[in-house]
Amino acid sequence: MAVVSTCTYDSRGKLVRPDTLDVSRAKIRLDLDTGEKPTFDRGHLHVFIVSDMGVTAEQARERVHLRLRRFFDRAEAVYGFRKITMKKSQSRNRLNLNTTISYEILYAVDADG
């Protein structure tokens, strides 16, 4: 499960960003989870990592974009979903020269939509 925290709003009704430590804890739980499925609990902030690799950077990009499309197709069908941040990272394996591209997505599913 990759629930970061419950949704908290300021006096103007804007969503308050979660604490960095809460995000880190959720990413650790995500690493330990073997299901590799995003969570969509209403009234909570979530983190999910979409990642793929390829022999070339272009192949890795194509593969990860397909996974991103599937994630957002599913997520945008959830009432109250909204993306907060999306961070990209890219690395190259020195042993086999494969490229890995990952996107860390922080999102909320509002309780009231």
Protein backbone atom coordinates (compact mmCIF):
# COMPACT_ATOMS: atom_id res chain seq x y z
CA MET A 1 0.00 0.00 0.00
CA ALA A 2 1.34 3.46 -0.87
CA VAL A 3 -0.89 5.77 1.14
CA VAL A 4 1.12 8.81 2.22
CA SER A 5 -1.36 10.50 4.59
CA THR A 6 -4.90 11.74 4.86
CA CYS A 7 -5.82 14.79 2.81
CA THR A 8 -5.40 17.97 4.86
CA TYR A 9 -6.69 21.34 3.70
CA ASP A 10 -5.75 24.88 4.73
CA SER A 11 -8.24 27.61 5.68
CA ARG A 12 -8.77 28.47 1.99
CA GLY A 13 -9.63 24.86 1.16
CA LYS A 14 -6.35 24.15 -0.65
CA LEU A 15 -4.68 20.79 -0.24
CA VAL A 16 -1.63 20.94 2.06
CA ARG A 17 1.45 19.14 0.71
CA PRO A 18 2.44 16.11 2.75
CA ASP A 19 5.56 16.00 4.88
CA THR A 20 8.64 14.70 3.04
CA LEU A 21 9.11 12.03 5.71
CA ASP A 22 5.57 10.73 5.14
CA VAL A 23 6.28 10.43 1.40
CA SER A 24 9.54 8.58 2.11
CA ARG A 25 7.78 6.13 4.42
CA ALA A 26 5.11 5.45 1.79
CA LYS A 27 7.80 4.80 -0.85
CA ILE A 28 9.46 2.29 1.48
CA ARG A 29 6.11 0.51 1.92
CA LEU A 30 5.69 0.58 -1.86
CA ASP A 31 9.12 -1.05 -2.29
CA LEU A 32 8.11 -3.82 0.11
CA ASP A 33 4.73 -4.37 -1.57
CA THR A 34 4.82 -7.07 -4.24
CA GLY A 35 1.44 -6.21 -5.75
CA GLU A 36 2.73 -3.21 -7.72
CA LYS A 37 -0.77 -1.76 -7.86
CA PRO A 38 -1.64 1.87 -7.15
CA THR A 39 -3.96 2.67 -4.27
CA PHE A 40 -7.00 4.92 -4.56
CA ASP A 41 -8.30 5.27 -0.99
CA ARG A 42 -10.64 8.25 -0.83
CA GLY A 43 -9.54 11.14 1.36
CA HIS A 44 -5.85 10.23 1.15
CA LEU A 45 -2.63 11.24 -0.60
CA HIS A 46 -0.81 8.45 -2.41
CA VAL A 47 2.53 7.81 -4.10
CA PHE A 48 3.16 5.40 -6.95
CA ILE A 49 6.23 4.73 -9.08
CA VAL A 50 5.90 3.84 -12.74
CA SER A 51 9.13 2.41 -14.12
CA ASP A 52 10.46 0.45 -17.09
CA MET A 53 13.72 -0.28 -18.84
CA GLY A 54 14.98 -0.83 -22.35
CA VAL A 55 18.10 -1.62 -24.30
CA THR A 56 18.05 1.98 -25.55
CA ALA A 57 16.73 5.17 -23.97
CA GLU A 58 14.08 5.38 -26.70
CA GLN A 59 12.84 1.86 -25.96
CA ALA A 60 12.70 2.66 -22.22
CA ARG A 61 10.75 5.87 -22.99
CA GLU A 62 8.22 3.99 -25.12
CA ARG A 63 7.72 1.31 -22.46
CA VAL A 64 7.37 3.71 -19.53
CA HIS A 65 4.97 5.93 -21.49
CA LEU A 66 2.74 2.91 -22.12
CA ARG A 67 2.73 2.18 -18.37
CA LEU A 68 2.01 5.84 -17.59
CA ARG A 69 -0.90 5.84 -20.02
CA ARG A 70 -2.36 2.75 -18.31
CA PHE A 71 -1.90 4.32 -14.86
CA PHE A 72 -3.59 7.59 -15.84
CA ASP A 73 -6.40 5.83 -17.72
CA ARG A 74 -7.20 3.99 -14.49
CA ALA A 75 -6.55 6.93 -12.15
CA GLU A 76 -8.56 9.51 -14.06
CA ALA A 77 -11.59 7.21 -13.89
CA VAL A 78 -11.46 7.47 -10.07
CA TYR A 79 -13.77 10.17 -8.74
CA GLY A 80 -11.74 12.84 -6.88
CA PHE A 81 -8.35 11.91 -8.39
CA ARG A 82 -5.82 14.67 -8.97
CA LYS A 83 -2.12 14.59 -9.69
CA ILE A 84 0.01 16.68 -7.31
CA THR A 85 3.54 16.12 -8.65
CA MET A 86 5.32 13.85 -11.07
CA LYS A 87 9.13 13.52 -10.93
CA LYS A 88 11.15 11.77 -13.63
CA SER A 89 14.46 9.98 -13.10
CA GLN A 90 16.62 8.17 -15.62
CA SER A 91 19.61 5.91 -15.10
CA ARG A 92 21.85 3.64 -17.09
CA ASN A 93 23.03 0.24 -15.90
CA ARG A 94 26.81 0.11 -16.28
CA LEU A 95 26.81 -3.66 -16.63
CA ASN A 96 24.38 -4.22 -19.50
CA LEU A 97 23.95 -0.56 -20.59
CA ASN A 98 20.15 -0.75 -20.28
CA THR A 99 18.32 2.48 -19.53
CA THR A 100 15.73 2.71 -16.76
CA ILE A 101 13.20 5.53 -16.61
CA SER A 102 10.99 6.06 -13.56
CA TYR A 103 8.21 8.50 -12.68
CA GLU A 104 7.28 9.12 -9.05
CA ILE A 105 3.66 10.29 -8.96
CA LEU A 106 2.20 11.96 -5.90
CA TYR A 107 -1.60 12.20 -6.13
CA ALA A 108 -4.70 12.76 -4.05
CA VAL A 109 -8.13 11.20 -4.09
CA ASP A 110 -10.41 13.76 -2.50
CA ALA A 111 -13.11 12.42 -0.21
CA ASP A 112 -15.74 14.78 -1.61
CA GLY A 113 -14.51 14.73 -5.20
